[in-house]
Amino acid sequence: SNGGYYWSYWSAPVNSDGTLGEWTYYQVGPDSSKPASGTAEGWLLTNEQDATGPALNTLPEAAASASPAATASSPAPAASSGSPTGLIVAGVAVAVALLGLGGWWLARGRRR
């Protein structure tokens, strides 16, 4: 038993000063929720029936980003016409695998 604990799902409006308004309990799960722009979502592990939402009441200074900021980068090096060692190794590996499969097939046929 988990002592009655469960993860509850909450939403709060984000005020212009970065503080959060009152947390509201979601009646649906995250797959079905449609949070409005300018709201925060939160999770609270609780065993209380009358929980008041997550304790967070202000947002961090810098919001997390889904992708890193763009930075200048050097152009990709041009494709070289160096030695085809990787291609040769791959070809040999495929040939060995096919020979092994052929040997197995022949040995299997002779046992019948």
PDB file of N, CA and C in Angstrom:
ATOM      1  N   SER A   1       0.844  -1.186   0.000  1.00  0.00           N
ATOM      2  CA  SER A   1       0.000   0.000   0.000  1.00  0.00           C
ATOM      3  C   SER A   1       0.885   1.243   0.000  1.00  0.00           C
ATOM      4  N   ASN A   2       0.416   2.287  -0.624  1.00  0.00           N
ATOM      5  CA  ASN A   2       1.185   3.526  -0.703  1.00  0.00           C
ATOM      6  C   ASN A   2       0.723   4.554   0.325  1.00  0.00           C
ATOM      7  N   GLY A   3      -0.065   4.147   1.310  1.00  0.00           N
ATOM      8  CA  GLY A   3      -0.513   5.076   2.345  1.00  0.00           C
ATOM      9  C   GLY A   3      -1.529   6.080   1.843  1.00  0.00           C
ATOM     10  N   GLY A   4      -2.165   5.794   0.725  1.00  0.00           N
ATOM     11  CA  GLY A   4      -3.163   6.711   0.181  1.00  0.00           C
ATOM     12  C   GLY A   4      -2.583   7.851  -0.634  1.00  0.00           C
ATOM     13  N   TYR A   5      -1.272   7.842  -0.874  1.00  0.00           N
ATOM     14  CA  TYR A   5      -0.653   8.918  -1.654  1.00  0.00           C
ATOM     15  C   TYR A   5      -0.952   8.755  -3.138  1.00  0.00           C
ATOM     16  N   TYR A   6      -1.082   9.870  -3.814  1.00  0.00           N
ATOM     17  CA  TYR A   6      -1.286   9.880  -5.261  1.00  0.00           C
ATOM     18  C   TYR A   6      -0.755  11.194  -5.818  1.00  0.00           C
ATOM     19  N   TRP A   7      -0.455  11.188  -7.113  1.00  0.00           N
ATOM     20  CA  TRP A   7      -0.015  12.414  -7.780  1.00  0.00           C
ATOM     21  C   TRP A   7      -1.241  13.178  -8.246  1.00  0.00           C
ATOM     22  N   SER A   8      -1.373  14.415  -7.781  1.00  0.00           N
ATOM     23  CA  SER A   8      -2.479  15.262  -8.230  1.00  0.00           C
ATOM     24  C   SER A   8      -1.933  16.285  -9.226  1.00  0.00           C
ATOM     25  N   TYR A   9      -2.778  16.717 -10.137  1.00  0.00           N
ATOM     26  CA  TYR A   9      -2.390  17.558 -11.278  1.00  0.00           C
ATOM     27  C   TYR A   9      -3.096  18.900 -11.144  1.00  0.00           C
ATOM     28  N   TRP A  10      -2.349  20.010 -11.239  1.00  0.00           N
ATOM     29  CA  TRP A  10      -2.861  21.340 -10.928  1.00  0.00           C
ATOM     30  C   TRP A  10      -2.517  22.351 -12.022  1.00  0.00           C
ATOM     31  N   SER A  11      -3.236  23.474 -12.017  1.00  0.00           N
ATOM     32  CA  SER A  11      -2.994  24.575 -12.943  1.00  0.00           C
ATOM     33  C   SER A  11      -3.121  25.891 -12.180  1.00  0.00           C
ATOM     34  N   ALA A  12      -2.301  26.888 -12.561  1.00  0.00           N
ATOM     35  CA  ALA A  12      -2.382  28.214 -11.941  1.00  0.00           C
ATOM     36  C   ALA A  12      -2.088  29.265 -12.998  1.00  0.00           C
ATOM     37  N   PRO A  13      -2.787  30.414 -12.936  1.00  0.00           N
ATOM     38  CA  PRO A  13      -2.470  31.493 -13.876  1.00  0.00           C
ATOM     39  C   PRO A  13      -1.133  32.136 -13.505  1.00  0.00           C
ATOM     40  N   VAL A  14      -0.397  32.577 -14.521  1.00  0.00           N
ATOM     41  CA  VAL A  14       0.865  33.281 -14.292  1.00  0.00           C
ATOM     42  C   VAL A  14       0.570  34.773 -14.393  1.00  0.00           C
ATOM     43  N   ASN A  15       0.820  35.498 -13.308  1.00  0.00           N
ATOM     44  CA  ASN A  15       0.597  36.942 -13.287  1.00  0.00           C
ATOM     45  C   ASN A  15       1.737  37.659 -14.005  1.00  0.00           C
ATOM     46  N   SER A  16       1.525  38.915 -14.381  1.00  0.00           N
ATOM     47  CA  SER A  16       2.525  39.671 -15.139  1.00  0.00           C
ATOM     48  C   SER A  16       3.826  39.859 -14.363  1.00  0.00           C
ATOM     49  N   ASP A  17       3.779  39.818 -13.029  1.00  0.00           N
ATOM     50  CA  ASP A  17       4.998  39.972 -12.230  1.00  0.00           C
ATOM     51  C   ASP A  17       5.719  38.643 -11.981  1.00  0.00           C
ATOM     52  N   GLY A  18       5.232  37.555 -12.602  1.00  0.00           N
ATOM     53  CA  GLY A  18       5.873  36.256 -12.453  1.00  0.00           C
ATOM     54  C   GLY A  18       5.351  35.430 -11.293  1.00  0.00           C
ATOM     55  N   THR A  19       4.458  35.997 -10.497  1.00  0.00           N
ATOM     56  CA  THR A  19       3.866  35.211  -9.419  1.00  0.00           C
ATOM     57  C   THR A  19       2.748  34.356  -9.990  1.00  0.00           C
ATOM     58  N   LEU A  20       2.379  33.346  -9.243  1.00  0.00           N
ATOM     59  CA  LEU A  20       1.310  32.456  -9.678  1.00  0.00           C
ATOM     60  C   LEU A  20       0.043  32.743  -8.895  1.00  0.00           C
ATOM     61  N   GLY A  21      -1.077  32.655  -9.592  1.00  0.00           N
ATOM     62  CA  GLY A  21      -2.365  32.811  -8.931  1.00  0.00           C
ATOM     63  C   GLY A  21      -2.728  31.546  -8.171  1.00  0.00           C
ATOM     64  N   GLU A  22      -3.981  31.426  -7.816  1.00  0.00           N
ATOM     65  CA  GLU A  22      -4.444  30.271  -7.046  1.00  0.00           C
ATOM     66  C   GLU A  22      -4.406  29.000  -7.889  1.00  0.00           C
ATOM     67  N   TRP A  23      -3.884  27.940  -7.297  1.00  0.00           N
ATOM     68  CA  TRP A  23      -3.821  26.647  -7.971  1.00  0.00           C
ATOM     69  C   TRP A  23      -5.203  26.024  -8.040  1.00  0.00           C
ATOM     70  N   THR A  24      -5.540  25.458  -9.196  1.00  0.00           N
ATOM     71  CA  THR A  24      -6.823  24.784  -9.410  1.00  0.00           C
ATOM     72  C   THR A  24      -6.552  23.327  -9.755  1.00  0.00           C
ATOM     73  N   TYR A  25      -7.277  22.428  -9.095  1.00  0.00           N
ATOM     74  CA  TYR A  25      -7.124  20.990  -9.325  1.00  0.00           C
ATOM     75  C   TYR A  25      -7.712  20.628 -10.677  1.00  0.00           C
ATOM     76  N   TYR A  26      -6.931  19.931 -11.501  1.00  0.00           N
ATOM     77  CA  TYR A  26      -7.443  19.463 -12.791  1.00  0.00           C
ATOM     78  C   TYR A  26      -8.366  18.272 -12.556  1.00  0.00           C
ATOM     79  N   GLN A  27      -9.479  18.249 -13.237  1.00  0.00           N
ATOM     80  CA  GLN A  27     -10.413  17.128 -13.154  1.00  0.00           C
ATOM     81  C   GLN A  27     -10.089  16.052 -14.180  1.00  0.00           C
ATOM     82  N   VAL A  28      -9.107  16.326 -15.050  1.00  0.00           N
ATOM     83  CA  VAL A  28      -8.673  15.368 -16.069  1.00  0.00           C
ATOM     84  C   VAL A  28      -7.163  15.195 -15.947  1.00  0.00           C
ATOM     85  N   GLY A  29      -6.632  14.188 -16.598  1.00  0.00           N
ATOM     86  CA  GLY A  29      -5.193  13.954 -16.586  1.00  0.00           C
ATOM     87  C   GLY A  29      -4.483  14.798 -17.625  1.00  0.00           C
ATOM     88  N   PRO A  30      -3.158  14.747 -17.653  1.00  0.00           N
ATOM     89  CA  PRO A  30      -2.396  15.580 -18.580  1.00  0.00           C
ATOM     90  C   PRO A  30      -2.639  15.250 -20.047  1.00  0.00           C
ATOM     91  N   ASP A  31      -3.041  14.024 -20.350  1.00  0.00           N
ATOM     92  CA  ASP A  31      -3.325  13.676 -21.743  1.00  0.00           C
ATOM     93  C   ASP A  31      -4.570  14.375 -22.260  1.00  0.00           C
ATOM     94  N   SER A  32      -5.487  14.712 -21.360  1.00  0.00           N
ATOM     95  CA  SER A  32      -6.752  15.321 -21.771  1.00  0.00           C
ATOM     96  C   SER A  32      -6.813  16.813 -21.488  1.00  0.00           C
ATOM     97  N   SER A  33      -5.863  17.353 -20.738  1.00  0.00           N
ATOM     98  CA  SER A  33      -5.920  18.772 -20.376  1.00  0.00           C
ATOM     99  C   SER A  33      -5.512  19.644 -21.555  1.00  0.00           C
ATOM    100  N   LYS A  34      -6.018  20.840 -21.575  1.00  0.00           N
ATOM    101  CA  LYS A  34      -5.676  21.814 -22.606  1.00  0.00           C
ATOM    102  C   LYS A  34      -5.328  23.130 -21.897  1.00  0.00           C
ATOM    103  N   PRO A  35      -4.115  23.222 -21.322  1.00  0.00           N
ATOM    104  CA  PRO A  35      -3.751  24.421 -20.573  1.00  0.00           C
ATOM    105  C   PRO A  35      -3.740  25.656 -21.471  1.00  0.00           C
ATOM    106  N   ALA A  36      -4.287  26.732 -20.955  1.00  0.00           N
ATOM    107  CA  ALA A  36      -4.311  27.988 -21.697  1.00  0.00           C
ATOM    108  C   ALA A  36      -2.928  28.630 -21.646  1.00  0.00           C
ATOM    109  N   SER A  37      -2.630  29.439 -22.645  1.00  0.00           N
ATOM    110  CA  SER A  37      -1.380  30.181 -22.654  1.00  0.00           C
ATOM    111  C   SER A  37      -1.351  31.080 -21.418  1.00  0.00           C
ATOM    112  N   GLY A  38      -0.209  31.188 -20.782  1.00  0.00           N
ATOM    113  CA  GLY A  38      -0.099  32.026 -19.594  1.00  0.00           C
ATOM    114  C   GLY A  38      -0.486  31.310 -18.312  1.00  0.00           C
ATOM    115  N   THR A  39      -0.483  29.985 -18.344  1.00  0.00           N
ATOM    116  CA  THR A  39      -0.758  29.223 -17.129  1.00  0.00           C
ATOM    117  C   THR A  39       0.423  28.310 -16.832  1.00  0.00           C
ATOM    118  N   ALA A  40       0.510  27.906 -15.581  1.00  0.00           N
ATOM    119  CA  ALA A  40       1.534  26.955 -15.154  1.00  0.00           C
ATOM    120  C   ALA A  40       0.843  25.656 -14.785  1.00  0.00           C
ATOM    121  N   GLU A  41       1.540  24.548 -14.974  1.00  0.00           N
ATOM    122  CA  GLU A  41       1.018  23.247 -14.571  1.00  0.00           C
ATOM    123  C   GLU A  41       1.917  22.717 -13.467  1.00  0.00           C
ATOM    124  N   GLY A  42       1.325  22.003 -12.521  1.00  0.00           N
ATOM    125  CA  GLY A  42       2.114  21.473 -11.421  1.00  0.00           C
ATOM    126  C   GLY A  42       1.597  20.135 -10.954  1.00  0.00           C
ATOM    127  N   TRP A  43       2.477  19.397 -10.299  1.00  0.00           N
ATOM    128  CA  TRP A  43       2.141  18.088  -9.740  1.00  0.00           C
ATOM    129  C   TRP A  43       2.382  18.140  -8.245  1.00  0.00           C
ATOM    130  N   LEU A  44       1.535  17.457  -7.490  1.00  0.00           N
ATOM    131  CA  LEU A  44       1.664  17.406  -6.040  1.00  0.00           C
ATOM    132  C   LEU A  44       1.412  15.986  -5.575  1.00  0.00           C
ATOM    133  N   LEU A  45       2.381  15.412  -4.861  1.00  0.00           N
ATOM    134  CA  LEU A  45       2.200  14.097  -4.260  1.00  0.00           C
ATOM    135  C   LEU A  45       1.507  14.322  -2.926  1.00  0.00           C
ATOM    136  N   THR A  46       0.322  13.789  -2.783  1.00  0.00           N
ATOM    137  CA  THR A  46      -0.472  14.058  -1.583  1.00  0.00           C
ATOM    138  C   THR A  46      -1.302  12.846  -1.195  1.00  0.00           C
ATOM    139  N   ASN A  47      -1.734  12.844   0.043  1.00  0.00           N
ATOM    140  CA  ASN A  47      -2.725  11.865   0.482  1.00  0.00           C
ATOM    141  C   ASN A  47      -3.904  12.595   1.109  1.00  0.00           C
ATOM    142  N   GLU A  48      -3.957  13.902   0.898  1.00  0.00           N
ATOM    143  CA  GLU A  48      -5.036  14.727   1.434  1.00  0.00           C
ATOM    144  C   GLU A  48      -6.152  14.883   0.407  1.00  0.00           C
ATOM    145  N   GLN A  49      -7.371  14.827   0.874  1.00  0.00           N
ATOM    146  CA  GLN A  49      -8.512  15.058  -0.012  1.00  0.00           C
ATOM    147  C   GLN A  49      -8.672  16.546  -0.311  1.00  0.00           C
ATOM    148  N   ASP A  50      -8.241  17.417   0.616  1.00  0.00           N
ATOM    149  CA  ASP A  50      -8.423  18.862   0.452  1.00  0.00           C
ATOM    150  C   ASP A  50      -7.091  19.574   0.232  1.00  0.00           C
ATOM    151  N   ALA A  51      -6.245  19.034  -0.618  1.00  0.00           N
ATOM    152  CA  ALA A  51      -4.951  19.658  -0.901  1.00  0.00           C
ATOM    153  C   ALA A  51      -5.181  21.003  -1.582  1.00  0.00           C
ATOM    154  N   THR A  52      -4.244  21.931  -1.375  1.00  0.00           N
ATOM    155  CA  THR A  52      -4.399  23.275  -1.942  1.00  0.00           C
ATOM    156  C   THR A  52      -3.492  23.524  -3.136  1.00  0.00           C
ATOM    157  N   GLY A  53      -2.818  22.519  -3.615  1.00  0.00           N
ATOM    158  CA  GLY A  53      -1.968  22.677  -4.787  1.00  0.00           C
ATOM    159  C   GLY A  53      -0.508  22.763  -4.421  1.00  0.00           C
ATOM    160  N   PRO A  54       0.358  22.802  -5.428  1.00  0.00           N
ATOM    161  CA  PRO A  54       1.801  22.884  -5.185  1.00  0.00           C
ATOM    162  C   PRO A  54       2.166  24.140  -4.399  1.00  0.00           C
ATOM    163  N   ALA A  55       3.275  24.089  -3.678  1.00  0.00           N
ATOM    164  CA  ALA A  55       3.697  25.215  -2.841  1.00  0.00           C
ATOM    165  C   ALA A  55       4.361  26.331  -3.647  1.00  0.00           C
ATOM    166  N   LEU A  56       4.699  26.093  -4.889  1.00  0.00           N
ATOM    167  CA  LEU A  56       5.365  27.099  -5.719  1.00  0.00           C
ATOM    168  C   LEU A  56       4.433  28.281  -5.946  1.00  0.00           C
ATOM    169  N   ASN A  57       4.926  29.512  -5.644  1.00  0.00           N
ATOM    170  CA  ASN A  57       4.075  30.681  -5.876  1.00  0.00           C
ATOM    171  C   ASN A  57       4.731  31.732  -6.767  1.00  0.00           C
ATOM    172  N   THR A  58       5.976  31.496  -7.196  1.00  0.00           N
ATOM    173  CA  THR A  58       6.619  32.363  -8.184  1.00  0.00           C
ATOM    174  C   THR A  58       7.398  31.491  -9.160  1.00  0.00           C
ATOM    175  N   LEU A  59       7.518  31.966 -10.369  1.00  0.00           N
ATOM    176  CA  LEU A  59       8.274  31.235 -11.387  1.00  0.00           C
ATOM    177  C   LEU A  59       9.758  31.534 -11.239  1.00  0.00           C
ATOM    178  N   PRO A  60      10.618  30.624 -11.643  1.00  0.00           N
ATOM    179  CA  PRO A  60      12.061  30.893 -11.632  1.00  0.00           C
ATOM    180  C   PRO A  60      12.379  32.063 -12.557  1.00  0.00           C
ATOM    181  N   GLU A  61      13.540  32.673 -12.356  1.00  0.00           N
ATOM    182  CA  GLU A  61      13.950  33.825 -13.166  1.00  0.00           C
ATOM    183  C   GLU A  61      13.967  33.519 -14.655  1.00  0.00           C
ATOM    184  N   ALA A  62      14.563  32.406 -15.049  1.00  0.00           N
ATOM    185  CA  ALA A  62      14.639  32.045 -16.465  1.00  0.00           C
ATOM    186  C   ALA A  62      13.845  30.771 -16.681  1.00  0.00           C
ATOM    187  N   ALA A  63      12.903  30.842 -17.578  1.00  0.00           N
ATOM    188  CA  ALA A  63      12.095  29.659 -17.873  1.00  0.00           C
ATOM    189  C   ALA A  63      12.929  28.659 -18.659  1.00  0.00           C
ATOM    190  N   ALA A  64      12.646  27.405 -18.468  1.00  0.00           N
ATOM    191  CA  ALA A  64      13.343  26.350 -19.206  1.00  0.00           C
ATOM    192  C   ALA A  64      12.965  26.429 -20.677  1.00  0.00           C
ATOM    193  N   SER A  65      13.883  26.047 -21.529  1.00  0.00           N
ATOM    194  CA  SER A  65      13.656  26.078 -22.968  1.00  0.00           C
ATOM    195  C   SER A  65      13.668  24.659 -23.514  1.00  0.00           C
ATOM    196  N   ALA A  66      12.800  24.403 -24.472  1.00  0.00           N
ATOM    197  CA  ALA A  66      12.750  23.075 -25.082  1.00  0.00           C
ATOM    198  C   ALA A  66      13.948  22.838 -25.990  1.00  0.00           C
ATOM    199  N   SER A  67      14.540  23.915 -26.484  1.00  0.00           N
ATOM    200  CA  SER A  67      15.706  23.761 -27.348  1.00  0.00           C
ATOM    201  C   SER A  67      16.749  24.794 -26.941  1.00  0.00           C
ATOM    202  N   PRO A  68      18.018  24.498 -27.111  1.00  0.00           N
ATOM    203  CA  PRO A  68      19.061  25.445 -26.730  1.00  0.00           C
ATOM    204  C   PRO A  68      19.020  26.684 -27.613  1.00  0.00           C
ATOM    205  N   ALA A  69      19.526  27.768 -27.069  1.00  0.00           N
ATOM    206  CA  ALA A  69      19.568  29.014 -27.828  1.00  0.00           C
ATOM    207  C   ALA A  69      20.477  28.838 -29.042  1.00  0.00           C
ATOM    208  N   ALA A  70      20.136  29.524 -30.108  1.00  0.00           N
ATOM    209  CA  ALA A  70      20.932  29.427 -31.333  1.00  0.00           C
ATOM    210  C   ALA A  70      22.298  30.057 -31.101  1.00  0.00           C
ATOM    211  N   THR A  71      23.319  29.423 -31.575  1.00  0.00           N
ATOM    212  CA  THR A  71      24.671  29.957 -31.476  1.00  0.00           C
ATOM    213  C   THR A  71      25.319  29.892 -32.847  1.00  0.00           C
ATOM    214  N   ALA A  72      26.278  30.764 -33.041  1.00  0.00           N
ATOM    215  CA  ALA A  72      27.005  30.745 -34.310  1.00  0.00           C
ATOM    216  C   ALA A  72      27.871  29.498 -34.344  1.00  0.00           C
ATOM    217  N   SER A  73      27.919  28.871 -35.466  1.00  0.00           N
ATOM    218  CA  SER A  73      28.745  27.670 -35.586  1.00  0.00           C
ATOM    219  C   SER A  73      29.530  27.729 -36.882  1.00  0.00           C
ATOM    220  N   SER A  74      30.603  26.999 -36.895  1.00  0.00           N
ATOM    221  CA  SER A  74      31.410  26.963 -38.108  1.00  0.00           C
ATOM    222  C   SER A  74      30.746  26.030 -39.110  1.00  0.00           C
ATOM    223  N   PRO A  75      30.961  26.274 -40.389  1.00  0.00           N
ATOM    224  CA  PRO A  75      30.335  25.408 -41.393  1.00  0.00           C
ATOM    225  C   PRO A  75      30.858  23.979 -41.284  1.00  0.00           C
ATOM    226  N   ALA A  76      30.041  23.050 -41.678  1.00  0.00           N
ATOM    227  CA  ALA A  76      30.424  21.637 -41.637  1.00  0.00           C
ATOM    228  C   ALA A  76      31.550  21.399 -42.629  1.00  0.00           C
ATOM    229  N   PRO A  77      32.497  20.555 -42.267  1.00  0.00           N
ATOM    230  CA  PRO A  77      33.588  20.285 -43.209  1.00  0.00           C
ATOM    231  C   PRO A  77      33.062  19.567 -44.447  1.00  0.00           C
ATOM    232  N   ALA A  78      33.706  19.828 -45.560  1.00  0.00           N
ATOM    233  CA  ALA A  78      33.304  19.193 -46.815  1.00  0.00           C
ATOM    234  C   ALA A  78      33.598  17.703 -46.743  1.00  0.00           C
ATOM    235  N   ALA A  79      32.792  16.935 -47.428  1.00  0.00           N
ATOM    236  CA  ALA A  79      33.004  15.486 -47.452  1.00  0.00           C
ATOM    237  C   ALA A  79      34.354  15.199 -48.088  1.00  0.00           C
ATOM    238  N   SER A  80      35.111  14.332 -47.444  1.00  0.00           N
ATOM    239  CA  SER A  80      36.431  14.020 -47.994  1.00  0.00           C
ATOM    240  C   SER A  80      36.351  12.744 -48.821  1.00  0.00           C
ATOM    241  N   SER A  81      37.304  12.605 -49.685  1.00  0.00           N
ATOM    242  CA  SER A  81      37.360  11.388 -50.492  1.00  0.00           C
ATOM    243  C   SER A  81      38.476  10.507 -49.964  1.00  0.00           C
ATOM    244  N   GLY A  82      38.531  10.349 -48.619  1.00  0.00           N
ATOM    245  CA  GLY A  82      39.557   9.542 -47.966  1.00  0.00           C
ATOM    246  C   GLY A  82      39.333   8.069 -48.241  1.00  0.00           C
ATOM    247  N   SER A  83      40.055   7.247 -47.508  1.00  0.00           N
ATOM    248  CA  SER A  83      39.974   5.804 -47.744  1.00  0.00           C
ATOM    249  C   SER A  83      38.623   5.255 -47.295  1.00  0.00           C
ATOM    250  N   PRO A  84      38.116   4.265 -48.010  1.00  0.00           N
ATOM    251  CA  PRO A  84      36.806   3.683 -47.710  1.00  0.00           C
ATOM    252  C   PRO A  84      36.899   2.544 -46.690  1.00  0.00           C
ATOM    253  N   THR A  85      37.707   2.707 -45.654  1.00  0.00           N
ATOM    254  CA  THR A  85      37.926   1.634 -44.684  1.00  0.00           C
ATOM    255  C   THR A  85      36.619   1.171 -44.052  1.00  0.00           C
ATOM    256  N   GLY A  86      35.775   2.116 -43.640  1.00  0.00           N
ATOM    257  CA  GLY A  86      34.502   1.748 -43.010  1.00  0.00           C
ATOM    258  C   GLY A  86      33.626   0.929 -43.932  1.00  0.00           C
ATOM    259  N   LEU A  87      33.596   1.305 -45.193  1.00  0.00           N
ATOM    260  CA  LEU A  87      32.787   0.579 -46.176  1.00  0.00           C
ATOM    261  C   LEU A  87      33.326  -0.834 -46.391  1.00  0.00           C
ATOM    262  N   ILE A  88      34.622  -0.965 -46.422  1.00  0.00           N
ATOM    263  CA  ILE A  88      35.237  -2.288 -46.605  1.00  0.00           C
ATOM    264  C   ILE A  88      34.939  -3.184 -45.406  1.00  0.00           C
ATOM    265  N   VAL A  89      35.085  -2.641 -44.198  1.00  0.00           N
ATOM    266  CA  VAL A  89      34.815  -3.420 -42.985  1.00  0.00           C
ATOM    267  C   VAL A  89      33.359  -3.868 -42.956  1.00  0.00           C
ATOM    268  N   ALA A  90      32.443  -2.970 -43.304  1.00  0.00           N
ATOM    269  CA  ALA A  90      31.020  -3.328 -43.319  1.00  0.00           C
ATOM    270  C   ALA A  90      30.750  -4.410 -44.357  1.00  0.00           C
ATOM    271  N   GLY A  91      31.360  -4.305 -45.517  1.00  0.00           N
ATOM    272  CA  GLY A  91      31.170  -5.311 -46.562  1.00  0.00           C
ATOM    273  C   GLY A  91      31.674  -6.679 -46.131  1.00  0.00           C
ATOM    274  N   VAL A  92      32.831  -6.708 -45.481  1.00  0.00           N
ATOM    275  CA  VAL A  92      33.383  -7.978 -44.992  1.00  0.00           C
ATOM    276  C   VAL A  92      32.464  -8.573 -43.932  1.00  0.00           C
ATOM    277  N   ALA A  93      31.942  -7.736 -43.031  1.00  0.00           N
ATOM    278  CA  ALA A  93      31.047  -8.227 -41.977  1.00  0.00           C
ATOM    279  C   ALA A  93      29.785  -8.833 -42.577  1.00  0.00           C
ATOM    280  N   VAL A  94      29.223  -8.189 -43.590  1.00  0.00           N
ATOM    281  CA  VAL A  94      28.023  -8.721 -44.251  1.00  0.00           C
ATOM    282  C   VAL A  94      28.349 -10.042 -44.940  1.00  0.00           C
ATOM    283  N   ALA A  95      29.493 -10.117 -45.611  1.00  0.00           N
ATOM    284  CA  ALA A  95      29.884 -11.353 -46.302  1.00  0.00           C
ATOM    285  C   ALA A  95      30.055 -12.503 -45.312  1.00  0.00           C
ATOM    286  N   VAL A  96      30.701 -12.251 -44.174  1.00  0.00           N
ATOM    287  CA  VAL A  96      30.888 -13.290 -43.155  1.00  0.00           C
ATOM    288  C   VAL A  96      29.541 -13.744 -42.616  1.00  0.00           C
ATOM    289  N   ALA A  97      28.645 -12.797 -42.375  1.00  0.00           N
ATOM    290  CA  ALA A  97      27.317 -13.153 -41.871  1.00  0.00           C
ATOM    291  C   ALA A  97      26.565 -14.013 -42.882  1.00  0.00           C
ATOM    292  N   LEU A  98      26.642 -13.661 -44.152  1.00  0.00           N
ATOM    293  CA  LEU A  98      25.960 -14.444 -45.188  1.00  0.00           C
ATOM    294  C   LEU A  98      26.562 -15.839 -45.322  1.00  0.00           C
ATOM    295  N   LEU A  99      27.879 -15.946 -45.236  1.00  0.00           N
ATOM    296  CA  LEU A  99      28.525 -17.260 -45.291  1.00  0.00           C
ATOM    297  C   LEU A  99      28.105 -18.117 -44.097  1.00  0.00           C
ATOM    298  N   GLY A 100      28.045 -17.516 -42.931  1.00  0.00           N
ATOM    299  CA  GLY A 100      27.604 -18.250 -41.742  1.00  0.00           C
ATOM    300  C   GLY A 100      26.173 -18.713 -41.874  1.00  0.00           C
ATOM    301  N   LEU A 101      25.308 -17.855 -42.398  1.00  0.00           N
ATOM    302  CA  LEU A 101      23.909 -18.221 -42.609  1.00  0.00           C
ATOM    303  C   LEU A 101      23.797 -19.341 -43.636  1.00  0.00           C
ATOM    304  N   GLY A 102      24.587 -19.270 -44.705  1.00  0.00           N
ATOM    305  CA  GLY A 102      24.576 -20.326 -45.722  1.00  0.00           C
ATOM    306  C   GLY A 102      25.052 -21.651 -45.153  1.00  0.00           C
ATOM    307  N   GLY A 103      26.110 -21.628 -44.338  1.00  0.00           N
ATOM    308  CA  GLY A 103      26.605 -22.848 -43.708  1.00  0.00           C
ATOM    309  C   GLY A 103      25.573 -23.455 -42.778  1.00  0.00           C
ATOM    310  N   TRP A 104      24.910 -22.624 -42.018  1.00  0.00           N
ATOM    311  CA  TRP A 104      23.855 -23.110 -41.120  1.00  0.00           C
ATOM    312  C   TRP A 104      22.734 -23.752 -41.928  1.00  0.00           C
ATOM    313  N   TRP A 105      22.356 -23.105 -43.023  1.00  0.00           N
ATOM    314  CA  TRP A 105      21.264 -23.609 -43.870  1.00  0.00           C
ATOM    315  C   TRP A 105      21.615 -24.987 -44.449  1.00  0.00           C
ATOM    316  N   LEU A 106      22.858 -25.120 -44.939  1.00  0.00           N
ATOM    317  CA  LEU A 106      23.299 -26.407 -45.494  1.00  0.00           C
ATOM    318  C   LEU A 106      23.336 -27.490 -44.419  1.00  0.00           C
ATOM    319  N   ALA A 107      23.884 -27.185 -43.263  1.00  0.00           N
ATOM    320  CA  ALA A 107      23.966 -28.170 -42.179  1.00  0.00           C
ATOM    321  C   ALA A 107      22.574 -28.575 -41.720  1.00  0.00           C
ATOM    322  N   ARG A 108      21.672 -27.666 -41.683  1.00  0.00           N
ATOM    323  CA  ARG A 108      20.296 -27.949 -41.274  1.00  0.00           C
ATOM    324  C   ARG A 108      19.630 -28.879 -42.280  1.00  0.00           C
ATOM    325  N   GLY A 109      19.901 -28.670 -43.573  1.00  0.00           N
ATOM    326  CA  GLY A 109      19.307 -29.496 -44.624  1.00  0.00           C
ATOM    327  C   GLY A 109      19.847 -30.919 -44.616  1.00  0.00           C
ATOM    328  N   ARG A 110      21.087 -31.116 -44.234  1.00  0.00           N
ATOM    329  CA  ARG A 110      21.693 -32.450 -44.223  1.00  0.00           C
ATOM    330  C   ARG A 110      21.202 -33.293 -43.052  1.00  0.00           C
ATOM    331  N   ARG A 111      20.733 -32.654 -41.989  1.00  0.00           N
ATOM    332  CA  ARG A 111      20.270 -33.398 -40.815  1.00  0.00           C
ATOM    333  C   ARG A 111      18.926 -34.058 -41.051  1.00  0.00           C
ATOM    334  N   ARG A 112      18.203 -33.669 -42.016  1.00  0.00           N
ATOM    335  CA  ARG A 112      16.846 -34.198 -42.254  1.00  0.00           C
ATOM    336  C   ARG A 112      16.861 -35.528 -42.872  1.00  0.00           C
TER     337      ARG A 112
END
